[in-house]
Protein backbone atom coordinates (compact mmCIF):
# COMPACT_ATOMS: atom_id res chain seq x y z
CA UNK A 1 32.85 -38.67 -19.24
CA UNK A 2 35.48 -36.30 -17.88
CA UNK A 3 38.00 -38.93 -18.44
CA UNK A 4 37.32 -39.51 -22.06
CA UNK A 5 37.40 -35.75 -22.56
CA UNK A 6 40.59 -35.62 -20.78
CA UNK A 7 41.90 -38.51 -22.96
CA UNK A 8 40.22 -36.60 -26.33
CA UNK A 9 41.75 -33.43 -25.16
CA UNK A 10 45.31 -35.12 -24.75
CA UNK A 11 45.20 -36.72 -28.14
CA UNK A 12 43.90 -33.71 -29.95
CA UNK A 13 46.71 -31.79 -28.62
CA UNK A 14 49.21 -34.01 -30.22
CA UNK A 15 47.72 -32.90 -33.40
CA UNK A 16 46.61 -29.12 -32.57
CA UNK A 17 49.20 -27.98 -29.89
CA UNK A 18 47.09 -25.12 -29.11
CA UNK A 19 44.73 -27.82 -27.34
CA UNK A 20 47.05 -28.27 -24.89
CA UNK A 21 45.66 -24.86 -23.56
CA UNK A 22 42.34 -26.37 -23.44
CA UNK A 23 43.52 -29.52 -21.86
CA UNK A 24 45.56 -28.37 -18.93
CA UNK A 25 42.79 -26.80 -17.04
CA UNK A 26 40.29 -30.18 -17.05
CA UNK A 27 43.71 -32.19 -16.16
CA UNK A 28 44.63 -30.37 -13.08
CA UNK A 29 41.14 -30.53 -11.81
CA UNK A 30 40.42 -34.01 -12.55
CA UNK A 31 43.97 -34.97 -10.81
CA UNK A 32 43.42 -32.96 -7.62
CA UNK A 33 39.65 -33.64 -7.00
CA UNK A 34 39.51 -37.32 -7.96
CA UNK A 35 43.07 -38.52 -7.30
CA UNK A 36 42.49 -39.85 -3.96
CA UNK A 37 39.40 -41.66 -5.26
CA UNK A 38 40.72 -43.33 -8.09
CA UNK A 39 44.39 -43.80 -6.70
CA UNK A 40 42.89 -46.46 -4.28
CA UNK A 41 41.54 -48.53 -7.05
CA UNK A 42 45.19 -49.08 -8.69
CA UNK A 43 46.49 -50.40 -5.23
CA UNK A 44 46.88 -54.06 -4.15
CA UNK A 45 44.41 -55.39 -1.23
CA UNK A 46 47.68 -55.22 1.01
CA UNK A 47 48.32 -52.11 0.08
CA UNK A 48 44.78 -50.46 0.37
CA UNK A 49 44.54 -51.82 3.88
CA UNK A 50 47.63 -50.11 4.96
CA UNK A 51 46.43 -46.92 3.19
CA UNK A 52 43.31 -47.44 5.01
CA UNK A 53 45.38 -48.00 8.35
CA UNK A 54 47.65 -45.05 7.83
CA UNK A 55 44.55 -42.78 7.52
CA UNK A 56 42.78 -43.92 10.51
CA UNK A 57 45.95 -43.43 12.49
CA UNK A 58 46.26 -39.79 11.00
CA UNK A 59 42.74 -39.06 12.17
CA UNK A 60 43.09 -40.43 15.80
CA UNK A 61 46.54 -38.54 16.02
CA UNK A 62 44.25 -35.31 14.80
CA UNK A 63 41.65 -35.83 17.40
CA UNK A 64 44.20 -36.28 20.25
CA UNK A 65 46.02 -33.02 19.35
């Protein structure tokens, strides 16, 4: 639903420039809070595996510190 609202507000801002003021806060909220979750969906399988491996490596290095 949030993604649909975001798309609608961006399209509306093309026709009503002041609507960009309404579109900016949800865009930043969505981008920063959900980016890790939906970004993984866009990766290929080998890239997903490498990303998970890097996250695990980072977690292990933080535990050792």
